[in-house]
Amino acid sequence: MTDETTVTLEQTQTKAGKYLTFALADEEYGLEILKVREIIGMMEITSVPRTPPYVKGVINLRGKVIPVVDLRLKVGMAEAKRTDETCIIVVDIGEVEMGIIVDRVLEVLDVAGKDIEDPPSFGSQVNTDYILGMGKLNDRVTILLDISKLLTQADMSAIEGATLSTQGESSTQSEDEGEEQQEQPAPESSEQEGPAPEGEQPQGE
C-alpha cells in the first residue's frame, strides 16, 4: 500500500459519520449531523437590501436573528416554488448560525468511510472544495457537503452584515417605540363630582 493510498483511506475515515440528507430538485445532498441545529418549516423571511440574490433575508427564531440562504441559488440551480415540504435547516458555521432553504429533508444516514469517494475533478474552472465526498449508499450517490466551505469569506461578510443591519434596525425601532410611550400624556381623570345619590343626605345638615 502506497503512502498516497494510506492518506486517502485516513481522509475517508475522518469523513465517516452521520449525515442529514436532503433534496434539491432530483439531487441528494448530505450535511454533517453535528453541524445541524434544527429543522424548521418555512416562515416569514425579512428581506435585507444590498445582499447577494441567494441571501433571502433573515428570520426571527425565538428572538434570535438568523440569516437565511437559498441553497438552490447558491449551487447554481433555478429558484423553485415553495411547497409543504420546503424547509429551513439551521446549521452552525463557526460562530454563526444560519438557515439554508432546501426542497425537502430525507433522512439521517450513517455513512462508513469505505462508502465515501473523493469528489470528481472538473478542472480548475470548477470549485469543488465544498464537497467532502461522494457517498455511495443503496445504489444512489449522495453529495456530502462541507457547509463551512460552501460559503466564501465574502459570502459570510455579507450575511453577517445583513444580520447586524437587521438587529440595529430592530433596536432603533424599539427605542423609538419606548420614547413614544414616554411622551404620551397621562389620561385625564374621568371621575366628576355629581349629586349625592337619592336617599343619602349630605353630611352636616
N, C-alpha and C. Protein backbone atom coordinates (compact mmCIF):
# COMPACT_ATOMS: atom_id res chain seq x y z
N MET A 1 0.86 -1.20 0.00
CA MET A 1 0.00 0.00 0.00
C MET A 1 0.89 1.25 0.00
N THR A 2 0.67 2.13 -0.94
CA THR A 2 1.48 3.34 -1.05
C THR A 2 1.08 4.37 0.00
N ASP A 3 1.97 5.36 0.20
CA ASP A 3 1.67 6.43 1.15
C ASP A 3 0.44 7.21 0.72
N GLU A 4 0.29 7.42 -0.59
CA GLU A 4 -0.86 8.18 -1.10
C GLU A 4 -2.17 7.45 -0.81
N THR A 5 -2.15 6.13 -0.96
CA THR A 5 -3.35 5.34 -0.67
C THR A 5 -3.68 5.39 0.81
N THR A 6 -2.65 5.35 1.66
CA THR A 6 -2.86 5.42 3.10
C THR A 6 -3.50 6.74 3.51
N VAL A 7 -3.00 7.84 2.92
CA VAL A 7 -3.56 9.16 3.23
C VAL A 7 -5.01 9.23 2.80
N THR A 8 -5.33 8.70 1.62
CA THR A 8 -6.71 8.71 1.12
C THR A 8 -7.64 7.95 2.04
N LEU A 9 -7.21 6.78 2.52
CA LEU A 9 -8.02 5.99 3.44
C LEU A 9 -8.27 6.73 4.74
N GLU A 10 -7.23 7.40 5.25
CA GLU A 10 -7.37 8.15 6.50
C GLU A 10 -8.36 9.30 6.32
N GLN A 11 -8.31 9.94 5.17
CA GLN A 11 -9.22 11.06 4.91
C GLN A 11 -10.67 10.61 4.84
N THR A 12 -10.91 9.48 4.18
CA THR A 12 -12.29 8.99 4.09
C THR A 12 -12.80 8.54 5.45
N GLN A 13 -11.91 8.01 6.29
CA GLN A 13 -12.34 7.60 7.63
C GLN A 13 -12.75 8.80 8.48
N THR A 14 -12.04 9.92 8.31
CA THR A 14 -12.40 11.12 9.08
C THR A 14 -13.72 11.70 8.61
N LYS A 15 -14.11 11.41 7.37
CA LYS A 15 -15.38 11.90 6.84
C LYS A 15 -16.55 10.99 7.21
N ALA A 16 -16.26 9.81 7.71
CA ALA A 16 -17.33 8.88 8.06
C ALA A 16 -18.14 9.44 9.23
N GLY A 17 -19.43 9.12 9.26
CA GLY A 17 -20.29 9.57 10.35
C GLY A 17 -21.73 9.71 9.91
N LYS A 18 -22.51 10.39 10.72
CA LYS A 18 -23.93 10.57 10.43
C LYS A 18 -24.15 11.86 9.62
N TYR A 19 -24.99 11.75 8.62
CA TYR A 19 -25.29 12.88 7.75
C TYR A 19 -26.81 13.04 7.63
N LEU A 20 -27.26 14.29 7.71
CA LEU A 20 -28.65 14.60 7.42
C LEU A 20 -28.76 14.81 5.91
N THR A 21 -29.58 14.00 5.25
CA THR A 21 -29.70 14.11 3.80
C THR A 21 -30.94 14.91 3.42
N PHE A 22 -30.85 15.61 2.31
CA PHE A 22 -31.95 16.43 1.82
C PHE A 22 -31.87 16.49 0.30
N ALA A 23 -32.93 16.98 -0.30
CA ALA A 23 -33.01 17.03 -1.77
C ALA A 23 -33.07 18.45 -2.27
N LEU A 24 -32.39 18.67 -3.38
CA LEU A 24 -32.54 19.87 -4.21
C LEU A 24 -32.84 19.35 -5.60
N ALA A 25 -34.06 19.59 -6.07
CA ALA A 25 -34.52 19.00 -7.34
C ALA A 25 -34.38 17.48 -7.22
N ASP A 26 -33.67 16.86 -8.17
CA ASP A 26 -33.53 15.40 -8.15
C ASP A 26 -32.21 14.96 -7.53
N GLU A 27 -31.44 15.91 -7.01
CA GLU A 27 -30.14 15.59 -6.43
C GLU A 27 -30.26 15.42 -4.92
N GLU A 28 -29.45 14.50 -4.38
CA GLU A 28 -29.45 14.24 -2.94
C GLU A 28 -28.14 14.73 -2.34
N TYR A 29 -28.27 15.48 -1.24
CA TYR A 29 -27.10 16.04 -0.56
C TYR A 29 -27.10 15.62 0.90
N GLY A 30 -25.94 15.75 1.52
CA GLY A 30 -25.84 15.42 2.93
C GLY A 30 -25.02 16.45 3.69
N LEU A 31 -25.44 16.72 4.94
CA LEU A 31 -24.71 17.62 5.84
C LEU A 31 -24.30 16.84 7.08
N GLU A 32 -23.13 17.13 7.61
CA GLU A 32 -22.71 16.50 8.85
C GLU A 32 -23.72 16.83 9.94
N ILE A 33 -24.22 15.79 10.59
CA ILE A 33 -25.30 15.98 11.57
C ILE A 33 -24.85 16.85 12.73
N LEU A 34 -23.56 16.86 13.04
CA LEU A 34 -23.06 17.65 14.17
C LEU A 34 -23.17 19.15 13.91
N LYS A 35 -23.29 19.54 12.64
CA LYS A 35 -23.42 20.96 12.31
C LYS A 35 -24.87 21.39 12.17
N VAL A 36 -25.79 20.46 12.30
CA VAL A 36 -27.21 20.78 12.18
C VAL A 36 -27.78 21.09 13.56
N ARG A 37 -28.40 22.24 13.69
CA ARG A 37 -29.00 22.65 14.97
C ARG A 37 -30.47 22.22 15.05
N GLU A 38 -31.23 22.50 14.01
CA GLU A 38 -32.64 22.11 13.99
C GLU A 38 -33.20 22.26 12.59
N ILE A 39 -34.39 21.71 12.39
CA ILE A 39 -35.09 21.81 11.11
C ILE A 39 -36.44 22.47 11.39
N ILE A 40 -36.75 23.51 10.65
CA ILE A 40 -38.00 24.23 10.87
C ILE A 40 -38.72 24.38 9.53
N GLY A 41 -40.03 24.57 9.61
CA GLY A 41 -40.81 24.83 8.40
C GLY A 41 -40.56 26.24 7.90
N MET A 42 -41.03 26.50 6.70
CA MET A 42 -40.87 27.84 6.14
C MET A 42 -41.64 28.84 7.00
N MET A 43 -41.04 29.99 7.19
CA MET A 43 -41.65 31.05 7.97
C MET A 43 -41.35 32.38 7.29
N GLU A 44 -41.92 33.44 7.82
CA GLU A 44 -41.73 34.75 7.20
C GLU A 44 -40.26 35.14 7.22
N ILE A 45 -39.75 35.52 6.05
CA ILE A 45 -38.36 35.95 5.90
C ILE A 45 -38.34 37.43 5.58
N THR A 46 -37.61 38.19 6.37
CA THR A 46 -37.48 39.63 6.14
C THR A 46 -36.30 39.88 5.21
N SER A 47 -36.59 40.43 4.04
CA SER A 47 -35.52 40.68 3.06
C SER A 47 -34.62 41.81 3.54
N VAL A 48 -33.36 41.72 3.14
CA VAL A 48 -32.36 42.73 3.51
C VAL A 48 -31.77 43.29 2.22
N PRO A 49 -31.82 44.60 2.02
CA PRO A 49 -31.31 45.19 0.78
C PRO A 49 -29.80 45.04 0.65
N ARG A 50 -29.33 45.08 -0.59
CA ARG A 50 -27.90 45.08 -0.92
C ARG A 50 -27.20 43.81 -0.44
N THR A 51 -27.87 42.68 -0.58
CA THR A 51 -27.25 41.40 -0.29
C THR A 51 -27.31 40.54 -1.55
N PRO A 52 -26.47 39.51 -1.67
CA PRO A 52 -26.50 38.65 -2.86
C PRO A 52 -27.86 38.00 -3.04
N PRO A 53 -28.23 37.63 -4.28
CA PRO A 53 -29.56 37.06 -4.54
C PRO A 53 -29.87 35.81 -3.72
N TYR A 54 -28.86 35.01 -3.44
CA TYR A 54 -29.12 33.77 -2.70
C TYR A 54 -29.35 34.02 -1.21
N VAL A 55 -29.02 35.20 -0.70
CA VAL A 55 -29.33 35.55 0.69
C VAL A 55 -30.76 36.09 0.70
N LYS A 56 -31.69 35.27 1.14
CA LYS A 56 -33.11 35.62 1.07
C LYS A 56 -33.52 36.62 2.14
N GLY A 57 -32.72 36.74 3.20
CA GLY A 57 -33.06 37.68 4.27
C GLY A 57 -32.76 37.07 5.62
N VAL A 58 -33.55 37.46 6.61
CA VAL A 58 -33.35 36.96 7.96
C VAL A 58 -34.68 36.53 8.57
N ILE A 59 -34.61 35.64 9.55
CA ILE A 59 -35.79 35.22 10.29
C ILE A 59 -35.56 35.50 11.76
N ASN A 60 -36.66 35.63 12.48
CA ASN A 60 -36.61 35.80 13.93
C ASN A 60 -36.97 34.45 14.56
N LEU A 61 -35.96 33.75 15.01
CA LEU A 61 -36.16 32.43 15.59
C LEU A 61 -36.02 32.51 17.10
N ARG A 62 -37.18 32.55 17.77
CA ARG A 62 -37.21 32.66 19.23
C ARG A 62 -36.36 33.83 19.73
N GLY A 63 -36.50 34.96 19.05
CA GLY A 63 -35.81 36.18 19.48
C GLY A 63 -34.41 36.35 18.93
N LYS A 64 -33.93 35.37 18.17
CA LYS A 64 -32.58 35.46 17.59
C LYS A 64 -32.69 35.67 16.09
N VAL A 65 -31.94 36.65 15.58
CA VAL A 65 -31.96 36.96 14.15
C VAL A 65 -30.99 36.02 13.44
N ILE A 66 -31.50 35.27 12.46
CA ILE A 66 -30.69 34.28 11.74
C ILE A 66 -30.80 34.54 10.24
N PRO A 67 -29.67 34.68 9.54
CA PRO A 67 -29.71 34.85 8.08
C PRO A 67 -30.13 33.56 7.39
N VAL A 68 -30.78 33.70 6.24
CA VAL A 68 -31.28 32.54 5.51
C VAL A 68 -30.76 32.58 4.07
N VAL A 69 -30.21 31.45 3.62
CA VAL A 69 -29.66 31.32 2.28
C VAL A 69 -30.47 30.28 1.50
N ASP A 70 -30.81 30.61 0.26
CA ASP A 70 -31.46 29.64 -0.62
C ASP A 70 -30.35 28.80 -1.25
N LEU A 71 -30.25 27.54 -0.82
CA LEU A 71 -29.14 26.69 -1.26
C LEU A 71 -29.21 26.41 -2.76
N ARG A 72 -30.42 26.38 -3.30
CA ARG A 72 -30.57 26.18 -4.75
C ARG A 72 -29.79 27.26 -5.52
N LEU A 73 -30.03 28.51 -5.15
CA LEU A 73 -29.38 29.61 -5.84
C LEU A 73 -27.87 29.59 -5.63
N LYS A 74 -27.46 29.19 -4.44
CA LYS A 74 -26.02 29.19 -4.13
C LYS A 74 -25.27 28.17 -4.98
N VAL A 75 -25.89 27.02 -5.26
CA VAL A 75 -25.20 25.99 -6.04
C VAL A 75 -25.50 26.11 -7.54
N GLY A 76 -26.17 27.19 -7.95
CA GLY A 76 -26.37 27.43 -9.37
C GLY A 76 -27.65 26.89 -9.95
N MET A 77 -28.58 26.45 -9.11
CA MET A 77 -29.87 25.96 -9.60
C MET A 77 -30.88 27.11 -9.70
N ALA A 78 -31.95 26.87 -10.42
CA ALA A 78 -33.03 27.85 -10.51
C ALA A 78 -33.84 27.83 -9.22
N GLU A 79 -34.37 28.97 -8.84
CA GLU A 79 -35.21 29.05 -7.64
C GLU A 79 -36.50 28.27 -7.87
N ALA A 80 -36.93 27.53 -6.87
CA ALA A 80 -38.11 26.67 -7.00
C ALA A 80 -39.28 27.25 -6.22
N LYS A 81 -40.47 26.87 -6.65
CA LYS A 81 -41.67 27.26 -5.93
C LYS A 81 -41.72 26.52 -4.59
N ARG A 82 -42.12 27.23 -3.56
CA ARG A 82 -42.19 26.64 -2.22
C ARG A 82 -43.34 25.62 -2.16
N THR A 83 -43.11 24.53 -1.45
CA THR A 83 -44.13 23.51 -1.24
C THR A 83 -44.25 23.23 0.26
N ASP A 84 -45.15 22.31 0.60
CA ASP A 84 -45.31 21.94 2.00
C ASP A 84 -44.07 21.25 2.56
N GLU A 85 -43.22 20.72 1.66
CA GLU A 85 -42.01 20.01 2.09
C GLU A 85 -40.81 20.93 2.19
N THR A 86 -40.91 22.12 1.60
CA THR A 86 -39.80 23.07 1.68
C THR A 86 -39.55 23.43 3.14
N CYS A 87 -38.29 23.43 3.53
CA CYS A 87 -37.99 23.73 4.94
C CYS A 87 -36.64 24.43 5.06
N ILE A 88 -36.35 24.85 6.27
CA ILE A 88 -35.10 25.54 6.58
C ILE A 88 -34.30 24.67 7.55
N ILE A 89 -33.07 24.37 7.19
CA ILE A 89 -32.16 23.66 8.08
C ILE A 89 -31.26 24.70 8.74
N VAL A 90 -31.30 24.78 10.05
CA VAL A 90 -30.45 25.72 10.78
C VAL A 90 -29.13 25.02 11.09
N VAL A 91 -28.03 25.60 10.58
CA VAL A 91 -26.72 25.00 10.75
C VAL A 91 -25.79 25.93 11.51
N ASP A 92 -24.76 25.35 12.07
CA ASP A 92 -23.76 26.10 12.84
C ASP A 92 -22.49 26.19 12.00
N ILE A 93 -22.12 27.41 11.64
CA ILE A 93 -20.88 27.62 10.89
C ILE A 93 -19.95 28.49 11.74
N GLY A 94 -19.10 27.84 12.49
CA GLY A 94 -18.22 28.58 13.38
C GLY A 94 -19.03 29.29 14.44
N GLU A 95 -18.96 30.62 14.45
CA GLU A 95 -19.70 31.41 15.44
C GLU A 95 -21.03 31.92 14.90
N VAL A 96 -21.38 31.49 13.70
CA VAL A 96 -22.59 31.99 13.05
C VAL A 96 -23.60 30.86 12.88
N GLU A 97 -24.85 31.12 13.24
CA GLU A 97 -25.94 30.20 12.94
C GLU A 97 -26.65 30.73 11.70
N MET A 98 -26.97 29.83 10.77
CA MET A 98 -27.54 30.24 9.51
C MET A 98 -28.58 29.22 9.08
N GLY A 99 -29.60 29.69 8.39
CA GLY A 99 -30.62 28.81 7.85
C GLY A 99 -30.41 28.59 6.36
N ILE A 100 -30.57 27.36 5.90
CA ILE A 100 -30.48 27.09 4.46
C ILE A 100 -31.80 26.48 4.01
N ILE A 101 -32.33 27.00 2.91
CA ILE A 101 -33.60 26.53 2.37
C ILE A 101 -33.34 25.34 1.46
N VAL A 102 -34.05 24.23 1.70
CA VAL A 102 -33.92 23.04 0.86
C VAL A 102 -35.32 22.59 0.43
N ASP A 103 -35.36 21.78 -0.63
CA ASP A 103 -36.66 21.33 -1.16
C ASP A 103 -37.37 20.41 -0.18
N ARG A 104 -36.63 19.49 0.41
CA ARG A 104 -37.21 18.58 1.40
C ARG A 104 -36.11 17.83 2.12
N VAL A 105 -36.36 17.48 3.36
CA VAL A 105 -35.43 16.68 4.15
C VAL A 105 -35.75 15.21 3.94
N LEU A 106 -34.72 14.37 3.84
CA LEU A 106 -34.92 12.95 3.57
C LEU A 106 -34.75 12.11 4.84
N GLU A 107 -33.53 11.88 5.26
CA GLU A 107 -33.28 11.00 6.41
C GLU A 107 -31.88 11.23 6.94
N VAL A 108 -31.59 10.60 8.07
CA VAL A 108 -30.24 10.62 8.62
C VAL A 108 -29.57 9.30 8.26
N LEU A 109 -28.39 9.40 7.63
CA LEU A 109 -27.66 8.21 7.21
C LEU A 109 -26.35 8.09 7.96
N ASP A 110 -25.99 6.87 8.29
CA ASP A 110 -24.69 6.59 8.89
C ASP A 110 -23.78 6.11 7.77
N VAL A 111 -22.86 6.96 7.35
CA VAL A 111 -22.04 6.67 6.18
C VAL A 111 -20.66 6.21 6.64
N ALA A 112 -20.26 5.02 6.22
CA ALA A 112 -18.95 4.47 6.55
C ALA A 112 -17.89 5.05 5.62
N GLY A 113 -16.65 5.07 6.10
CA GLY A 113 -15.56 5.61 5.30
C GLY A 113 -15.39 4.91 3.97
N LYS A 114 -15.61 3.60 3.95
CA LYS A 114 -15.44 2.83 2.71
C LYS A 114 -16.48 3.18 1.66
N ASP A 115 -17.56 3.85 2.09
CA ASP A 115 -18.62 4.22 1.15
C ASP A 115 -18.50 5.66 0.66
N ILE A 116 -17.37 6.29 0.96
CA ILE A 116 -17.16 7.68 0.55
C ILE A 116 -15.98 7.75 -0.42
N GLU A 117 -16.22 8.34 -1.57
CA GLU A 117 -15.16 8.55 -2.55
C GLU A 117 -14.87 10.04 -2.66
N ASP A 118 -13.66 10.37 -3.09
CA ASP A 118 -13.31 11.77 -3.30
C ASP A 118 -14.17 12.35 -4.42
N PRO A 119 -14.44 13.64 -4.37
CA PRO A 119 -15.25 14.25 -5.44
C PRO A 119 -14.50 14.21 -6.76
N PRO A 120 -15.21 14.08 -7.85
CA PRO A 120 -14.54 14.06 -9.17
C PRO A 120 -13.93 15.42 -9.49
N SER A 121 -12.94 15.40 -10.33
CA SER A 121 -12.29 16.64 -10.75
C SER A 121 -12.97 17.17 -12.01
N PHE A 122 -13.36 18.45 -11.96
CA PHE A 122 -13.99 19.08 -13.12
C PHE A 122 -13.10 20.15 -13.73
N GLY A 123 -11.83 20.14 -13.37
CA GLY A 123 -10.90 21.14 -13.89
C GLY A 123 -10.78 22.34 -12.97
N SER A 124 -9.87 23.21 -13.30
CA SER A 124 -9.59 24.36 -12.45
C SER A 124 -10.71 25.39 -12.45
N GLN A 125 -11.61 25.32 -13.43
CA GLN A 125 -12.67 26.31 -13.53
C GLN A 125 -13.83 26.04 -12.57
N VAL A 126 -13.89 24.83 -12.04
CA VAL A 126 -14.99 24.45 -11.16
C VAL A 126 -14.45 24.18 -9.76
N ASN A 127 -14.97 24.93 -8.78
CA ASN A 127 -14.53 24.75 -7.40
C ASN A 127 -15.35 23.68 -6.71
N THR A 128 -14.68 22.63 -6.28
CA THR A 128 -15.37 21.54 -5.57
C THR A 128 -14.86 21.39 -4.13
N ASP A 129 -14.22 22.44 -3.62
CA ASP A 129 -13.67 22.36 -2.26
C ASP A 129 -14.75 22.14 -1.22
N TYR A 130 -15.99 22.57 -1.52
CA TYR A 130 -17.07 22.44 -0.55
C TYR A 130 -17.69 21.04 -0.53
N ILE A 131 -17.22 20.16 -1.42
CA ILE A 131 -17.72 18.79 -1.44
C ILE A 131 -16.79 17.90 -0.63
N LEU A 132 -17.28 17.36 0.46
CA LEU A 132 -16.48 16.45 1.28
C LEU A 132 -16.19 15.16 0.53
N GLY A 133 -17.17 14.67 -0.17
CA GLY A 133 -17.02 13.43 -0.89
C GLY A 133 -18.34 12.98 -1.47
N MET A 134 -18.30 11.84 -2.13
CA MET A 134 -19.50 11.27 -2.75
C MET A 134 -19.86 9.99 -2.00
N GLY A 135 -21.00 10.04 -1.31
CA GLY A 135 -21.44 8.87 -0.56
C GLY A 135 -22.19 7.89 -1.46
N LYS A 136 -21.80 6.62 -1.40
CA LYS A 136 -22.44 5.59 -2.23
C LYS A 136 -23.24 4.66 -1.32
N LEU A 137 -24.57 4.84 -1.36
CA LEU A 137 -25.44 4.06 -0.49
C LEU A 137 -26.69 3.64 -1.25
N ASN A 138 -27.04 2.37 -1.12
CA ASN A 138 -28.29 1.85 -1.70
C ASN A 138 -28.44 2.21 -3.18
N ASP A 139 -27.37 2.00 -3.93
CA ASP A 139 -27.39 2.23 -5.38
C ASP A 139 -27.67 3.68 -5.76
N ARG A 140 -27.37 4.59 -4.88
CA ARG A 140 -27.52 6.01 -5.22
C ARG A 140 -26.30 6.77 -4.69
N VAL A 141 -26.12 7.96 -5.22
CA VAL A 141 -24.98 8.80 -4.82
C VAL A 141 -25.50 10.02 -4.07
N THR A 142 -24.90 10.26 -2.92
CA THR A 142 -25.24 11.43 -2.11
C THR A 142 -24.03 12.36 -2.06
N ILE A 143 -24.24 13.62 -2.43
CA ILE A 143 -23.14 14.59 -2.40
C ILE A 143 -23.01 15.13 -0.97
N LEU A 144 -21.90 14.83 -0.33
CA LEU A 144 -21.67 15.24 1.05
C LEU A 144 -21.00 16.61 1.06
N LEU A 145 -21.65 17.56 1.71
CA LEU A 145 -21.20 18.96 1.68
C LEU A 145 -20.43 19.35 2.94
N ASP A 146 -19.45 20.19 2.75
CA ASP A 146 -18.80 20.89 3.86
C ASP A 146 -19.40 22.29 3.86
N ILE A 147 -20.40 22.50 4.68
CA ILE A 147 -21.17 23.74 4.64
C ILE A 147 -20.30 24.95 4.96
N SER A 148 -19.25 24.77 5.75
CA SER A 148 -18.38 25.89 6.10
C SER A 148 -17.55 26.35 4.91
N LYS A 149 -17.36 25.47 3.90
CA LYS A 149 -16.60 25.84 2.71
C LYS A 149 -17.51 26.22 1.54
N LEU A 150 -18.78 25.92 1.67
CA LEU A 150 -19.72 26.25 0.60
C LEU A 150 -19.86 27.76 0.45
N LEU A 151 -19.77 28.46 1.59
CA LEU A 151 -19.87 29.92 1.57
C LEU A 151 -18.48 30.52 1.70
N THR A 152 -18.15 31.45 0.81
CA THR A 152 -16.85 32.10 0.83
C THR A 152 -16.80 33.14 1.95
N GLN A 153 -15.61 33.70 2.17
CA GLN A 153 -15.46 34.73 3.18
C GLN A 153 -16.30 35.95 2.84
N ALA A 154 -16.38 36.26 1.53
CA ALA A 154 -17.21 37.40 1.10
C ALA A 154 -18.68 37.13 1.39
N ASP A 155 -19.10 35.87 1.19
CA ASP A 155 -20.49 35.50 1.49
C ASP A 155 -20.77 35.71 2.97
N MET A 156 -19.87 35.22 3.82
CA MET A 156 -20.07 35.32 5.27
C MET A 156 -20.10 36.78 5.71
N SER A 157 -19.27 37.62 5.10
CA SER A 157 -19.27 39.04 5.45
C SER A 157 -20.61 39.67 5.10
N ALA A 158 -21.15 39.31 3.93
CA ALA A 158 -22.45 39.85 3.51
C ALA A 158 -23.55 39.39 4.45
N ILE A 159 -23.50 38.12 4.86
CA ILE A 159 -24.51 37.55 5.76
C ILE A 159 -24.44 38.20 7.13
N GLU A 160 -23.22 38.34 7.65
CA GLU A 160 -23.06 38.96 8.97
C GLU A 160 -23.50 40.42 8.93
N GLY A 161 -23.19 41.11 7.80
CA GLY A 161 -23.62 42.50 7.66
C GLY A 161 -25.13 42.62 7.65
N ALA A 162 -25.80 41.68 6.97
CA ALA A 162 -27.27 41.69 6.92
C ALA A 162 -27.85 41.47 8.30
N THR A 163 -27.24 40.55 9.05
CA THR A 163 -27.73 40.26 10.40
C THR A 163 -27.58 41.46 11.31
N LEU A 164 -26.38 42.09 11.28
CA LEU A 164 -26.14 43.24 12.14
C LEU A 164 -27.04 44.40 11.76
N SER A 165 -27.28 44.59 10.45
CA SER A 165 -28.15 45.67 9.99
C SER A 165 -29.57 45.48 10.52
N THR A 166 -30.06 44.25 10.46
CA THR A 166 -31.42 43.98 10.93
C THR A 166 -31.52 44.15 12.43
N GLN A 167 -30.50 43.69 13.15
CA GLN A 167 -30.51 43.85 14.60
C GLN A 167 -30.48 45.32 14.99
N GLY A 168 -29.71 46.14 14.24
CA GLY A 168 -29.65 47.56 14.52
C GLY A 168 -30.97 48.25 14.28
N GLU A 169 -31.67 47.86 13.19
CA GLU A 169 -32.98 48.45 12.90
C GLU A 169 -33.99 48.07 13.97
N SER A 170 -33.94 46.82 14.44
CA SER A 170 -34.88 46.37 15.48
C SER A 170 -34.64 47.13 16.76
N SER A 171 -33.36 47.37 17.10
CA SER A 171 -33.03 48.09 18.32
C SER A 171 -33.51 49.53 18.24
N THR A 172 -33.28 50.18 17.08
CA THR A 172 -33.71 51.57 16.91
C THR A 172 -35.23 51.69 16.99
N GLN A 173 -35.92 50.72 16.36
CA GLN A 173 -37.39 50.73 16.39
C GLN A 173 -37.91 50.59 17.81
N SER A 174 -37.28 49.72 18.59
CA SER A 174 -37.70 49.53 19.99
C SER A 174 -37.48 50.79 20.80
N GLU A 175 -36.36 51.48 20.56
CA GLU A 175 -36.09 52.71 21.29
C GLU A 175 -37.10 53.78 20.93
N ASP A 176 -37.42 53.88 19.62
CA ASP A 176 -38.40 54.88 19.19
C ASP A 176 -39.77 54.61 19.80
N GLU A 177 -40.17 53.33 19.85
CA GLU A 177 -41.45 52.99 20.44
C GLU A 177 -41.47 53.33 21.92
N GLY A 178 -40.33 53.12 22.59
CA GLY A 178 -40.26 53.44 24.02
C GLY A 178 -40.39 54.93 24.26
N GLU A 179 -39.74 55.74 23.39
CA GLU A 179 -39.83 57.20 23.54
C GLU A 179 -41.25 57.68 23.30
N GLU A 180 -41.94 57.08 22.31
CA GLU A 180 -43.32 57.48 22.04
C GLU A 180 -44.22 57.20 23.22
N GLN A 181 -43.97 56.06 23.86
CA GLN A 181 -44.79 55.71 25.02
C GLN A 181 -44.54 56.68 26.18
N GLN A 182 -43.28 57.12 26.33
CA GLN A 182 -42.98 58.04 27.42
C GLN A 182 -43.57 59.42 27.16
N GLU A 183 -43.65 59.82 25.88
CA GLU A 183 -44.13 61.15 25.56
C GLU A 183 -45.65 61.27 25.62
N GLN A 184 -46.36 60.17 25.64
CA GLN A 184 -47.81 60.22 25.68
C GLN A 184 -48.27 60.77 27.03
N PRO A 185 -49.15 61.84 27.03
CA PRO A 185 -49.63 62.41 28.30
C PRO A 185 -50.52 61.41 29.03
N ALA A 186 -50.52 61.53 30.34
CA ALA A 186 -51.37 60.66 31.15
C ALA A 186 -52.83 61.02 30.91
N PRO A 187 -53.70 60.06 30.81
CA PRO A 187 -55.12 60.36 30.56
C PRO A 187 -55.73 61.12 31.73
N GLU A 188 -56.61 62.09 31.37
CA GLU A 188 -57.26 62.86 32.41
C GLU A 188 -58.29 62.00 33.13
N SER A 189 -58.45 62.30 34.41
CA SER A 189 -59.40 61.52 35.20
C SER A 189 -60.82 61.81 34.72
N SER A 190 -61.60 60.77 34.53
CA SER A 190 -62.97 60.93 34.05
C SER A 190 -63.96 61.00 35.20
N GLU A 191 -63.45 60.93 36.44
CA GLU A 191 -64.35 60.98 37.59
C GLU A 191 -64.77 62.42 37.85
N GLN A 192 -66.02 62.69 37.92
CA GLN A 192 -66.55 64.01 38.23
C GLN A 192 -67.46 63.91 39.43
N GLU A 193 -67.42 65.01 40.20
CA GLU A 193 -68.31 65.03 41.36
C GLU A 193 -69.73 65.28 40.90
N GLY A 194 -70.64 64.46 41.31
CA GLY A 194 -72.03 64.62 40.92
C GLY A 194 -72.90 64.73 42.16
N PRO A 195 -74.18 64.87 41.97
CA PRO A 195 -75.07 64.97 43.13
C PRO A 195 -75.08 63.68 43.92
N ALA A 196 -75.35 63.81 45.20
CA ALA A 196 -75.40 62.64 46.07
C ALA A 196 -76.55 61.75 45.65
N PRO A 197 -76.36 60.44 45.71
CA PRO A 197 -77.45 59.51 45.33
C PRO A 197 -78.69 59.76 46.17
N GLU A 198 -79.85 59.45 45.57
CA GLU A 198 -81.10 59.64 46.29
C GLU A 198 -81.12 58.77 47.53
N GLY A 199 -81.71 59.31 48.55
CA GLY A 199 -81.80 58.56 49.82
C GLY A 199 -80.64 58.85 50.72
N GLU A 200 -79.62 59.55 50.23
CA GLU A 200 -78.48 59.89 51.08
C GLU A 200 -78.48 61.38 51.27
N GLN A 201 -78.36 61.81 52.46
CA GLN A 201 -78.34 63.22 52.76
C GLN A 201 -76.90 63.67 52.98
N PRO A 202 -76.56 64.81 52.43
CA PRO A 202 -75.21 65.33 52.66
C PRO A 202 -74.98 65.49 54.14
N GLN A 203 -73.78 65.21 54.56
CA GLN A 203 -73.44 65.31 55.96
C GLN A 203 -73.44 66.79 56.37
N GLY A 204 -73.82 66.99 57.60
CA GLY A 204 -73.80 68.34 58.15
C GLY A 204 -75.14 69.01 58.15
N GLU A 205 -76.14 68.41 57.52
CA GLU A 205 -77.45 69.02 57.53
C GLU A 205 -78.24 68.53 58.74
